[in-house]
Amino acid sequence: MPVIYVDVDDTFIRSFGSKRMPMGHMVSLVRALKVAGAELYCWSSGGAAYARSSAADVGLTDCFTAFLPKPHLLLDDVQVGSWKLGQLHPSECSSLTADEVLASIGR
């Protein structure tokens, strides 16, 4: 089962001043990734409570296993550069299906 961490701001919610708007395709993609079997974690530099309330604002709470703050430090015996870790910008996902996103993990 692929594990995917999903950021909040400018990933599935965009802010314009004090107004916050869901990014429709990303909200749909998160839901489709969950249906496709991905284990999803929502995280934000705003903290775990902010991540949870943001997911609730767009109806995605049930898609995530947990809500986390973004870390400031990783303690790990393996350097991040050698992790099997990919990254996609939300703009790269605008035309991708959940299956295509999951297929990108193996590249």
PDB file of N, CA and C in Angstrom:
ATOM      1  N   MET A   1       0.849  -1.174   0.000  1.00  0.00           N
ATOM      2  CA  MET A   1       0.000   0.000   0.000  1.00  0.00           C
ATOM      3  C   MET A   1       0.898   1.242   0.000  1.00  0.00           C
ATOM      4  N   PRO A   2       0.748   2.116  -0.988  1.00  0.00           N
ATOM      5  CA  PRO A   2       1.561   3.332  -1.008  1.00  0.00           C
ATOM      6  C   PRO A   2       1.145   4.295   0.105  1.00  0.00           C
ATOM      7  N   VAL A   3       2.139   4.937   0.688  1.00  0.00           N
ATOM      8  CA  VAL A   3       1.912   5.941   1.731  1.00  0.00           C
ATOM      9  C   VAL A   3       2.185   7.307   1.116  1.00  0.00           C
ATOM     10  N   ILE A   4       1.214   8.211   1.240  1.00  0.00           N
ATOM     11  CA  ILE A   4       1.321   9.530   0.632  1.00  0.00           C
ATOM     12  C   ILE A   4       1.006  10.601   1.678  1.00  0.00           C
ATOM     13  N   TYR A   5       1.903  11.579   1.793  1.00  0.00           N
ATOM     14  CA  TYR A   5       1.686  12.726   2.661  1.00  0.00           C
ATOM     15  C   TYR A   5       1.176  13.875   1.802  1.00  0.00           C
ATOM     16  N   VAL A   6       0.099  14.492   2.226  1.00  0.00           N
ATOM     17  CA  VAL A   6      -0.552  15.551   1.454  1.00  0.00           C
ATOM     18  C   VAL A   6      -0.529  16.839   2.273  1.00  0.00           C
ATOM     19  N   ASP A   7       0.050  17.879   1.701  1.00  0.00           N
ATOM     20  CA  ASP A   7       0.081  19.196   2.328  1.00  0.00           C
ATOM     21  C   ASP A   7      -1.291  19.854   2.190  1.00  0.00           C
ATOM     22  N   VAL A   8      -1.518  20.916   2.946  1.00  0.00           N
ATOM     23  CA  VAL A   8      -2.801  21.632   2.928  1.00  0.00           C
ATOM     24  C   VAL A   8      -2.747  22.845   1.995  1.00  0.00           C
ATOM     25  N   ASP A   9      -2.024  23.867   2.405  1.00  0.00           N
ATOM     26  CA  ASP A   9      -2.071  25.162   1.717  1.00  0.00           C
ATOM     27  C   ASP A   9      -1.457  25.088   0.328  1.00  0.00           C
ATOM     28  N   ASP A  10      -2.220  25.541  -0.630  1.00  0.00           N
ATOM     29  CA  ASP A  10      -1.853  25.545  -2.042  1.00  0.00           C
ATOM     30  C   ASP A  10      -1.646  24.137  -2.594  1.00  0.00           C
ATOM     31  N   THR A  11      -2.176  23.154  -1.876  1.00  0.00           N
ATOM     32  CA  THR A  11      -2.209  21.785  -2.379  1.00  0.00           C
ATOM     33  C   THR A  11      -3.660  21.368  -2.567  1.00  0.00           C
ATOM     34  N   PHE A  12      -4.479  21.419  -1.496  1.00  0.00           N
ATOM     35  CA  PHE A  12      -5.916  21.183  -1.704  1.00  0.00           C
ATOM     36  C   PHE A  12      -6.786  22.351  -1.260  1.00  0.00           C
ATOM     37  N   ILE A  13      -6.170  23.386  -0.682  1.00  0.00           N
ATOM     38  CA  ILE A  13      -6.874  24.631  -0.361  1.00  0.00           C
ATOM     39  C   ILE A  13      -6.000  25.802  -0.806  1.00  0.00           C
ATOM     40  N   ARG A  14      -6.619  26.749  -1.479  1.00  0.00           N
ATOM     41  CA  ARG A  14      -5.911  27.963  -1.890  1.00  0.00           C
ATOM     42  C   ARG A  14      -6.510  29.132  -1.123  1.00  0.00           C
ATOM     43  N   SER A  15      -5.642  30.020  -0.652  1.00  0.00           N
ATOM     44  CA  SER A  15      -6.088  31.194   0.096  1.00  0.00           C
ATOM     45  C   SER A  15      -5.936  32.446  -0.739  1.00  0.00           C
ATOM     46  N   PHE A  16      -6.971  33.274  -0.702  1.00  0.00           N
ATOM     47  CA  PHE A  16      -6.963  34.593  -1.315  1.00  0.00           C
ATOM     48  C   PHE A  16      -7.333  35.566  -0.212  1.00  0.00           C
ATOM     49  N   GLY A  17      -6.339  36.180   0.395  1.00  0.00           N
ATOM     50  CA  GLY A  17      -6.595  37.025   1.561  1.00  0.00           C
ATOM     51  C   GLY A  17      -7.141  36.163   2.682  1.00  0.00           C
ATOM     52  N   SER A  18      -8.320  36.522   3.190  1.00  0.00           N
ATOM     53  CA  SER A  18      -8.923  35.739   4.269  1.00  0.00           C
ATOM     54  C   SER A  18      -9.861  34.649   3.729  1.00  0.00           C
ATOM     55  N   LYS A  19     -10.050  34.609   2.424  1.00  0.00           N
ATOM     56  CA  LYS A  19     -10.944  33.614   1.819  1.00  0.00           C
ATOM     57  C   LYS A  19     -10.149  32.362   1.442  1.00  0.00           C
ATOM     58  N   ARG A  20     -10.673  31.204   1.832  1.00  0.00           N
ATOM     59  CA  ARG A  20     -10.039  29.922   1.512  1.00  0.00           C
ATOM     60  C   ARG A  20     -10.958  29.160   0.572  1.00  0.00           C
ATOM     61  N   MET A  21     -10.373  28.650  -0.502  1.00  0.00           N
ATOM     62  CA  MET A  21     -11.169  27.932  -1.500  1.00  0.00           C
ATOM     63  C   MET A  21     -10.564  26.570  -1.774  1.00  0.00           C
ATOM     64  N   PRO A  22     -11.411  25.531  -1.847  1.00  0.00           N
ATOM     65  CA  PRO A  22     -10.895  24.204  -2.185  1.00  0.00           C
ATOM     66  C   PRO A  22     -10.378  24.183  -3.618  1.00  0.00           C
ATOM     67  N   MET A  23      -9.318  23.435  -3.832  1.00  0.00           N
ATOM     68  CA  MET A  23      -8.789  23.201  -5.175  1.00  0.00           C
ATOM     69  C   MET A  23      -9.452  21.913  -5.659  1.00  0.00           C
ATOM     70  N   GLY A  24     -10.511  22.078  -6.449  1.00  0.00           N
ATOM     71  CA  GLY A  24     -11.407  20.986  -6.807  1.00  0.00           C
ATOM     72  C   GLY A  24     -10.734  19.723  -7.298  1.00  0.00           C
ATOM     73  N   HIS A  25      -9.801  19.850  -8.237  1.00  0.00           N
ATOM     74  CA  HIS A  25      -9.170  18.643  -8.766  1.00  0.00           C
ATOM     75  C   HIS A  25      -8.377  17.920  -7.683  1.00  0.00           C
ATOM     76  N   MET A  26      -7.685  18.673  -6.833  1.00  0.00           N
ATOM     77  CA  MET A  26      -6.878  18.029  -5.796  1.00  0.00           C
ATOM     78  C   MET A  26      -7.760  17.367  -4.740  1.00  0.00           C
ATOM     79  N   VAL A  27      -8.887  17.983  -4.410  1.00  0.00           N
ATOM     80  CA  VAL A  27      -9.827  17.357  -3.476  1.00  0.00           C
ATOM     81  C   VAL A  27     -10.310  16.029  -4.071  1.00  0.00           C
ATOM     82  N   SER A  28     -10.667  16.045  -5.345  1.00  0.00           N
ATOM     83  CA  SER A  28     -11.112  14.815  -6.020  1.00  0.00           C
ATOM     84  C   SER A  28      -9.994  13.786  -6.095  1.00  0.00           C
ATOM     85  N   LEU A  29      -8.777  14.254  -6.364  1.00  0.00           N
ATOM     86  CA  LEU A  29      -7.641  13.333  -6.461  1.00  0.00           C
ATOM     87  C   LEU A  29      -7.349  12.671  -5.119  1.00  0.00           C
ATOM     88  N   VAL A  30      -7.390  13.438  -4.040  1.00  0.00           N
ATOM     89  CA  VAL A  30      -7.167  12.853  -2.706  1.00  0.00           C
ATOM     90  C   VAL A  30      -8.195  11.763  -2.441  1.00  0.00           C
ATOM     91  N   ARG A  31      -9.445  12.047  -2.732  1.00  0.00           N
ATOM     92  CA  ARG A  31     -10.501  11.052  -2.522  1.00  0.00           C
ATOM     93  C   ARG A  31     -10.252   9.813  -3.398  1.00  0.00           C
ATOM     94  N   ALA A  32      -9.856  10.013  -4.652  1.00  0.00           N
ATOM     95  CA  ALA A  32      -9.595   8.889  -5.565  1.00  0.00           C
ATOM     96  C   ALA A  32      -8.384   8.078  -5.123  1.00  0.00           C
ATOM     97  N   LEU A  33      -7.363   8.738  -4.581  1.00  0.00           N
ATOM     98  CA  LEU A  33      -6.197   8.010  -4.075  1.00  0.00           C
ATOM     99  C   LEU A  33      -6.584   7.114  -2.901  1.00  0.00           C
ATOM    100  N   LYS A  34      -7.451   7.612  -2.040  1.00  0.00           N
ATOM    101  CA  LYS A  34      -7.938   6.810  -0.909  1.00  0.00           C
ATOM    102  C   LYS A  34      -8.694   5.589  -1.425  1.00  0.00           C
ATOM    103  N   VAL A  35      -9.587   5.797  -2.383  1.00  0.00           N
ATOM    104  CA  VAL A  35     -10.361   4.691  -2.967  1.00  0.00           C
ATOM    105  C   VAL A  35      -9.437   3.684  -3.634  1.00  0.00           C
ATOM    106  N   ALA A  36      -8.346   4.172  -4.225  1.00  0.00           N
ATOM    107  CA  ALA A  36      -7.396   3.294  -4.911  1.00  0.00           C
ATOM    108  C   ALA A  36      -6.492   2.527  -3.945  1.00  0.00           C
ATOM    109  N   GLY A  37      -6.608   2.807  -2.639  1.00  0.00           N
ATOM    110  CA  GLY A  37      -5.871   2.028  -1.654  1.00  0.00           C
ATOM    111  C   GLY A  37      -4.667   2.705  -1.034  1.00  0.00           C
ATOM    112  N   ALA A  38      -4.429   3.976  -1.340  1.00  0.00           N
ATOM    113  CA  ALA A  38      -3.301   4.685  -0.737  1.00  0.00           C
ATOM    114  C   ALA A  38      -3.586   4.982   0.734  1.00  0.00           C
ATOM    115  N   GLU A  39      -2.535   4.960   1.537  1.00  0.00           N
ATOM    116  CA  GLU A  39      -2.633   5.382   2.938  1.00  0.00           C
ATOM    117  C   GLU A  39      -2.198   6.840   2.972  1.00  0.00           C
ATOM    118  N   LEU A  40      -3.113   7.722   3.320  1.00  0.00           N
ATOM    119  CA  LEU A  40      -2.891   9.162   3.217  1.00  0.00           C
ATOM    120  C   LEU A  40      -2.735   9.808   4.589  1.00  0.00           C
ATOM    121  N   TYR A  41      -1.758  10.703   4.685  1.00  0.00           N
ATOM    122  CA  TYR A  41      -1.529  11.504   5.875  1.00  0.00           C
ATOM    123  C   TYR A  41      -1.594  12.966   5.465  1.00  0.00           C
ATOM    124  N   CYS A  42      -2.304  13.767   6.218  1.00  0.00           N
ATOM    125  CA  CYS A  42      -2.427  15.190   5.945  1.00  0.00           C
ATOM    126  C   CYS A  42      -1.491  15.922   6.896  1.00  0.00           C
ATOM    127  N   TRP A  43      -0.639  16.774   6.325  1.00  0.00           N
ATOM    128  CA  TRP A  43       0.272  17.513   7.187  1.00  0.00           C
ATOM    129  C   TRP A  43       0.365  18.959   6.748  1.00  0.00           C
ATOM    130  N   SER A  44       0.787  19.793   7.700  1.00  0.00           N
ATOM    131  CA  SER A  44       0.895  21.215   7.416  1.00  0.00           C
ATOM    132  C   SER A  44       1.894  21.842   8.375  1.00  0.00           C
ATOM    133  N   SER A  45       2.591  22.863   7.878  1.00  0.00           N
ATOM    134  CA  SER A  45       3.456  23.625   8.777  1.00  0.00           C
ATOM    135  C   SER A  45       2.614  24.410   9.780  1.00  0.00           C
ATOM    136  N   GLY A  46       1.301  24.512   9.527  1.00  0.00           N
ATOM    137  CA  GLY A  46       0.376  25.145  10.467  1.00  0.00           C
ATOM    138  C   GLY A  46       0.013  24.253  11.646  1.00  0.00           C
ATOM    139  N   GLY A  47       0.436  22.997  11.613  1.00  0.00           N
ATOM    140  CA  GLY A  47       0.188  22.081  12.720  1.00  0.00           C
ATOM    141  C   GLY A  47      -0.897  21.060  12.424  1.00  0.00           C
ATOM    142  N   ALA A  48      -0.990  20.078  13.306  1.00  0.00           N
ATOM    143  CA  ALA A  48      -1.926  18.969  13.136  1.00  0.00           C
ATOM    144  C   ALA A  48      -3.381  19.421  13.207  1.00  0.00           C
ATOM    145  N   ALA A  49      -3.701  20.299  14.157  1.00  0.00           N
ATOM    146  CA  ALA A  49      -5.083  20.755  14.296  1.00  0.00           C
ATOM    147  C   ALA A  49      -5.513  21.546  13.057  1.00  0.00           C
ATOM    148  N   TYR A  50      -4.606  22.349  12.519  1.00  0.00           N
ATOM    149  CA  TYR A  50      -4.902  23.104  11.302  1.00  0.00           C
ATOM    150  C   TYR A  50      -5.112  22.155  10.122  1.00  0.00           C
ATOM    151  N   ALA A  51      -4.281  21.121  10.031  1.00  0.00           N
ATOM    152  CA  ALA A  51      -4.427  20.137   8.956  1.00  0.00           C
ATOM    153  C   ALA A  51      -5.785  19.444   9.051  1.00  0.00           C
ATOM    154  N   ARG A  52      -6.164  19.050  10.252  1.00  0.00           N
ATOM    155  CA  ARG A  52      -7.455  18.368  10.453  1.00  0.00           C
ATOM    156  C   ARG A  52      -8.626  19.291  10.106  1.00  0.00           C
ATOM    157  N   SER A  53      -8.599  20.531  10.578  1.00  0.00           N
ATOM    158  CA  SER A  53      -9.722  21.431  10.316  1.00  0.00           C
ATOM    159  C   SER A  53      -9.795  21.794   8.830  1.00  0.00           C
ATOM    160  N   SER A  54      -8.660  21.891   8.176  1.00  0.00           N
ATOM    161  CA  SER A  54      -8.650  22.180   6.734  1.00  0.00           C
ATOM    162  C   SER A  54      -9.246  21.027   5.941  1.00  0.00           C
ATOM    163  N   ALA A  55      -8.881  19.805   6.309  1.00  0.00           N
ATOM    164  CA  ALA A  55      -9.460  18.629   5.647  1.00  0.00           C
ATOM    165  C   ALA A  55     -10.970  18.589   5.881  1.00  0.00           C
ATOM    166  N   ALA A  56     -11.397  18.929   7.092  1.00  0.00           N
ATOM    167  CA  ALA A  56     -12.830  18.956   7.392  1.00  0.00           C
ATOM    168  C   ALA A  56     -13.544  20.015   6.558  1.00  0.00           C
ATOM    169  N   ASP A  57     -12.893  21.142   6.354  1.00  0.00           N
ATOM    170  CA  ASP A  57     -13.496  22.236   5.572  1.00  0.00           C
ATOM    171  C   ASP A  57     -13.855  21.806   4.152  1.00  0.00           C
ATOM    172  N   VAL A  58     -13.098  20.857   3.591  1.00  0.00           N
ATOM    173  CA  VAL A  58     -13.349  20.416   2.210  1.00  0.00           C
ATOM    174  C   VAL A  58     -13.883  18.983   2.142  1.00  0.00           C
ATOM    175  N   GLY A  59     -14.257  18.428   3.300  1.00  0.00           N
ATOM    176  CA  GLY A  59     -14.875  17.106   3.324  1.00  0.00           C
ATOM    177  C   GLY A  59     -13.936  15.942   3.102  1.00  0.00           C
ATOM    178  N   LEU A  60     -12.672  16.078   3.519  1.00  0.00           N
ATOM    179  CA  LEU A  60     -11.695  15.007   3.301  1.00  0.00           C
ATOM    180  C   LEU A  60     -11.242  14.301   4.576  1.00  0.00           C
ATOM    181  N   THR A  61     -11.817  14.629   5.706  1.00  0.00           N
ATOM    182  CA  THR A  61     -11.343  14.061   6.970  1.00  0.00           C
ATOM    183  C   THR A  61     -11.259  12.545   6.929  1.00  0.00           C
ATOM    184  N   ASP A  62     -12.239  11.898   6.335  1.00  0.00           N
ATOM    185  CA  ASP A  62     -12.285  10.436   6.315  1.00  0.00           C
ATOM    186  C   ASP A  62     -11.228   9.818   5.409  1.00  0.00           C
ATOM    187  N   CYS A  63     -10.554  10.612   4.608  1.00  0.00           N
ATOM    188  CA  CYS A  63      -9.541  10.077   3.681  1.00  0.00           C
ATOM    189  C   CYS A  63      -8.190   9.877   4.344  1.00  0.00           C
ATOM    190  N   PHE A  64      -7.961  10.533   5.479  1.00  0.00           N
ATOM    191  CA  PHE A  64      -6.633  10.545   6.073  1.00  0.00           C
ATOM    192  C   PHE A  64      -6.537   9.629   7.292  1.00  0.00           C
ATOM    193  N   THR A  65      -5.405   8.954   7.396  1.00  0.00           N
ATOM    194  CA  THR A  65      -5.111   8.096   8.543  1.00  0.00           C
ATOM    195  C   THR A  65      -4.798   8.934   9.779  1.00  0.00           C
ATOM    196  N   ALA A  66      -4.089  10.058   9.556  1.00  0.00           N
ATOM    197  CA  ALA A  66      -3.709  10.934  10.668  1.00  0.00           C
ATOM    198  C   ALA A  66      -3.428  12.332  10.130  1.00  0.00           C
ATOM    199  N   PHE A  67      -3.367  13.281  11.062  1.00  0.00           N
ATOM    200  CA  PHE A  67      -3.091  14.683  10.755  1.00  0.00           C
ATOM    201  C   PHE A  67      -1.847  15.075  11.539  1.00  0.00           C
ATOM    202  N   LEU A  68      -0.872  15.647  10.843  1.00  0.00           N
ATOM    203  CA  LEU A  68       0.441  15.876  11.440  1.00  0.00           C
ATOM    204  C   LEU A  68       0.961  17.273  11.140  1.00  0.00           C
ATOM    205  N   PRO A  69       1.813  17.778  12.038  1.00  0.00           N
ATOM    206  CA  PRO A  69       2.558  18.986  11.677  1.00  0.00           C
ATOM    207  C   PRO A  69       3.724  18.566  10.777  1.00  0.00           C
ATOM    208  N   LYS A  70       4.204  19.491   9.945  1.00  0.00           N
ATOM    209  CA  LYS A  70       5.416  19.189   9.176  1.00  0.00           C
ATOM    210  C   LYS A  70       6.591  19.201  10.139  1.00  0.00           C
ATOM    211  N   PRO A  71       7.522  18.295   9.951  1.00  0.00           N
ATOM    212  CA  PRO A  71       8.666  18.228  10.881  1.00  0.00           C
ATOM    213  C   PRO A  71       9.672  19.349  10.655  1.00  0.00           C
ATOM    214  N   HIS A  72      10.431  19.621  11.696  1.00  0.00           N
ATOM    215  CA  HIS A  72      11.552  20.561  11.617  1.00  0.00           C
ATOM    216  C   HIS A  72      12.872  19.814  11.517  1.00  0.00           C
ATOM    217  N   LEU A  73      12.853  18.548  11.902  1.00  0.00           N
ATOM    218  CA  LEU A  73      14.072  17.743  11.913  1.00  0.00           C
ATOM    219  C   LEU A  73      13.693  16.286  11.718  1.00  0.00           C
ATOM    220  N   LEU A  74      14.478  15.574  10.945  1.00  0.00           N
ATOM    221  CA  LEU A  74      14.300  14.127  10.796  1.00  0.00           C
ATOM    222  C   LEU A  74      15.485  13.434  11.455  1.00  0.00           C
ATOM    223  N   LEU A  75      15.199  12.496  12.313  1.00  0.00           N
ATOM    224  CA  LEU A  75      16.237  11.655  12.892  1.00  0.00           C
ATOM    225  C   LEU A  75      16.095  10.293  12.239  1.00  0.00           C
ATOM    226  N   ASP A  76      17.014   9.954  11.382  1.00  0.00           N
ATOM    227  CA  ASP A  76      16.908   8.726  10.603  1.00  0.00           C
ATOM    228  C   ASP A  76      18.310   8.292  10.212  1.00  0.00           C
ATOM    229  N   ASP A  77      18.538   6.982  10.177  1.00  0.00           N
ATOM    230  CA  ASP A  77      19.856   6.481   9.799  1.00  0.00           C
ATOM    231  C   ASP A  77      20.091   6.523   8.286  1.00  0.00           C
ATOM    232  N   VAL A  78      19.042   6.747   7.501  1.00  0.00           N
ATOM    233  CA  VAL A  78      19.145   6.791   6.047  1.00  0.00           C
ATOM    234  C   VAL A  78      18.935   8.235   5.581  1.00  0.00           C
ATOM    235  N   GLN A  79      19.858   8.733   4.783  1.00  0.00           N
ATOM    236  CA  GLN A  79      19.759  10.092   4.257  1.00  0.00           C
ATOM    237  C   GLN A  79      18.533  10.225   3.359  1.00  0.00           C
ATOM    238  N   VAL A  80      17.841  11.358   3.449  1.00  0.00           N
ATOM    239  CA  VAL A  80      16.633  11.600   2.670  1.00  0.00           C
ATOM    240  C   VAL A  80      16.902  11.405   1.179  1.00  0.00           C
ATOM    241  N   GLY A  81      18.066  11.811   0.712  1.00  0.00           N
ATOM    242  CA  GLY A  81      18.405  11.680  -0.700  1.00  0.00           C
ATOM    243  C   GLY A  81      18.393  10.250  -1.209  1.00  0.00           C
ATOM    244  N   SER A  82      18.514   9.289  -0.324  1.00  0.00           N
ATOM    245  CA  SER A  82      18.506   7.888  -0.760  1.00  0.00           C
ATOM    246  C   SER A  82      17.156   7.209  -0.522  1.00  0.00           C
ATOM    247  N   TRP A  83      16.181   7.952   0.002  1.00  0.00           N
ATOM    248  CA  TRP A  83      14.837   7.401   0.172  1.00  0.00           C
ATOM    249  C   TRP A  83      14.209   7.169  -1.195  1.00  0.00           C
ATOM    250  N   LYS A  84      13.337   6.234  -1.269  1.00  0.00           N
ATOM    251  CA  LYS A  84      12.517   6.038  -2.466  1.00  0.00           C
ATOM    252  C   LYS A  84      11.311   6.953  -2.311  1.00  0.00           C
ATOM    253  N   LEU A  85      11.563   8.240  -2.533  1.00  0.00           N
ATOM    254  CA  LEU A  85      10.562   9.270  -2.263  1.00  0.00           C
ATOM    255  C   LEU A  85      10.407  10.146  -3.488  1.00  0.00           C
ATOM    256  N   GLY A  86       9.185  10.269  -3.966  1.00  0.00           N
ATOM    257  CA  GLY A  86       8.892  11.162  -5.075  1.00  0.00           C
ATOM    258  C   GLY A  86       8.140  12.374  -4.572  1.00  0.00           C
ATOM    259  N   GLN A  87       8.062  13.378  -5.427  1.00  0.00           N
ATOM    260  CA  GLN A  87       7.302  14.582  -5.081  1.00  0.00           C
ATOM    261  C   GLN A  87       6.601  15.072  -6.335  1.00  0.00           C
ATOM    262  N   LEU A  88       5.334  15.388  -6.196  1.00  0.00           N
ATOM    263  CA  LEU A  88       4.566  15.989  -7.280  1.00  0.00           C
ATOM    264  C   LEU A  88       3.990  17.310  -6.796  1.00  0.00           C
ATOM    265  N   HIS A  89       4.136  18.331  -7.590  1.00  0.00           N
ATOM    266  CA  HIS A  89       3.522  19.627  -7.302  1.00  0.00           C
ATOM    267  C   HIS A  89       2.047  19.525  -7.707  1.00  0.00           C
ATOM    268  N   PRO A  90       1.134  20.183  -7.002  1.00  0.00           N
ATOM    269  CA  PRO A  90      -0.282  20.111  -7.378  1.00  0.00           C
ATOM    270  C   PRO A  90      -0.538  20.440  -8.845  1.00  0.00           C
ATOM    271  N   SER A  91       0.234  21.368  -9.408  1.00  0.00           N
ATOM    272  CA  SER A  91       0.026  21.703 -10.822  1.00  0.00           C
ATOM    273  C   SER A  91       0.388  20.546 -11.742  1.00  0.00           C
ATOM    274  N   GLU A  92       1.280  19.663 -11.304  1.00  0.00           N
ATOM    275  CA  GLU A  92       1.629  18.480 -12.094  1.00  0.00           C
ATOM    276  C   GLU A  92       0.518  17.433 -12.053  1.00  0.00           C
ATOM    277  N   CYS A  93      -0.365  17.532 -11.071  1.00  0.00           N
ATOM    278  CA  CYS A  93      -1.435  16.547 -10.887  1.00  0.00           C
ATOM    279  C   CYS A  93      -2.740  16.951 -11.560  1.00  0.00           C
ATOM    280  N   SER A  94      -2.795  18.146 -12.116  1.00  0.00           N
ATOM    281  CA  SER A  94      -4.075  18.673 -12.584  1.00  0.00           C
ATOM    282  C   SER A  94      -4.718  17.825 -13.672  1.00  0.00           C
ATOM    283  N   SER A  95      -3.934  17.065 -14.402  1.00  0.00           N
ATOM    284  CA  SER A  95      -4.515  16.220 -15.452  1.00  0.00           C
ATOM    285  C   SER A  95      -4.289  14.737 -15.191  1.00  0.00           C
ATOM    286  N   LEU A  96      -3.827  14.390 -13.993  1.00  0.00           N
ATOM    287  CA  LEU A  96      -3.535  12.994 -13.678  1.00  0.00           C
ATOM    288  C   LEU A  96      -4.673  12.324 -12.921  1.00  0.00           C
ATOM    289  N   THR A  97      -4.861  11.055 -13.203  1.00  0.00           N
ATOM    290  CA  THR A  97      -5.798  10.246 -12.432  1.00  0.00           C
ATOM    291  C   THR A  97      -5.068   9.684 -11.214  1.00  0.00           C
ATOM    292  N   ALA A  98      -5.813   9.114 -10.295  1.00  0.00           N
ATOM    293  CA  ALA A  98      -5.200   8.471  -9.132  1.00  0.00           C
ATOM    294  C   ALA A  98      -4.269   7.353  -9.574  1.00  0.00           C
ATOM    295  N   ASP A  99      -4.668   6.569 -10.557  1.00  0.00           N
ATOM    296  CA  ASP A  99      -3.820   5.483 -11.043  1.00  0.00           C
ATOM    297  C   ASP A  99      -2.503   6.022 -11.608  1.00  0.00           C
ATOM    298  N   GLU A 100      -2.556   7.140 -12.324  1.00  0.00           N
ATOM    299  CA  GLU A 100      -1.334   7.726 -12.880  1.00  0.00           C
ATOM    300  C   GLU A 100      -0.428   8.266 -11.769  1.00  0.00           C
ATOM    301  N   VAL A 101      -1.021   8.856 -10.750  1.00  0.00           N
ATOM    302  CA  VAL A 101      -0.220   9.332  -9.616  1.00  0.00           C
ATOM    303  C   VAL A 101       0.450   8.149  -8.918  1.00  0.00           C
ATOM    304  N   LEU A 102      -0.297   7.096  -8.681  1.00  0.00           N
ATOM    305  CA  LEU A 102       0.264   5.927  -8.028  1.00  0.00           C
ATOM    306  C   LEU A 102       1.343   5.278  -8.897  1.00  0.00           C
ATOM    307  N   ALA A 103       1.169   5.275 -10.202  1.00  0.00           N
ATOM    308  CA  ALA A 103       2.175   4.708 -11.106  1.00  0.00           C
ATOM    309  C   ALA A 103       3.468   5.513 -11.067  1.00  0.00           C
ATOM    310  N   SER A 104       3.371   6.804 -10.761  1.00  0.00           N
ATOM    311  CA  SER A 104       4.571   7.644 -10.714  1.00  0.00           C
ATOM    312  C   SER A 104       5.482   7.276  -9.551  1.00  0.00           C
ATOM    313  N   ILE A 105       4.972   6.549  -8.582  1.00  0.00           N
ATOM    314  CA  ILE A 105       5.761   6.157  -7.417  1.00  0.00           C
ATOM    315  C   ILE A 105       6.923   5.259  -7.821  1.00  0.00           C
ATOM    316  N   GLY A 106       6.706   4.421  -8.821  1.00  0.00           N
ATOM    317  CA  GLY A 106       7.734   3.477  -9.221  1.00  0.00           C
ATOM    318  C   GLY A 106       8.810   4.029 -10.125  1.00  0.00           C
ATOM    319  N   ARG A 107       8.700   5.294 -10.546  1.00  0.00           N
ATOM    320  CA  ARG A 107       9.715   5.800 -11.469  1.00  0.00           C
ATOM    321  C   ARG A 107      10.969   6.219 -10.796  1.00  0.00           C
TER     322      ARG A 107
END
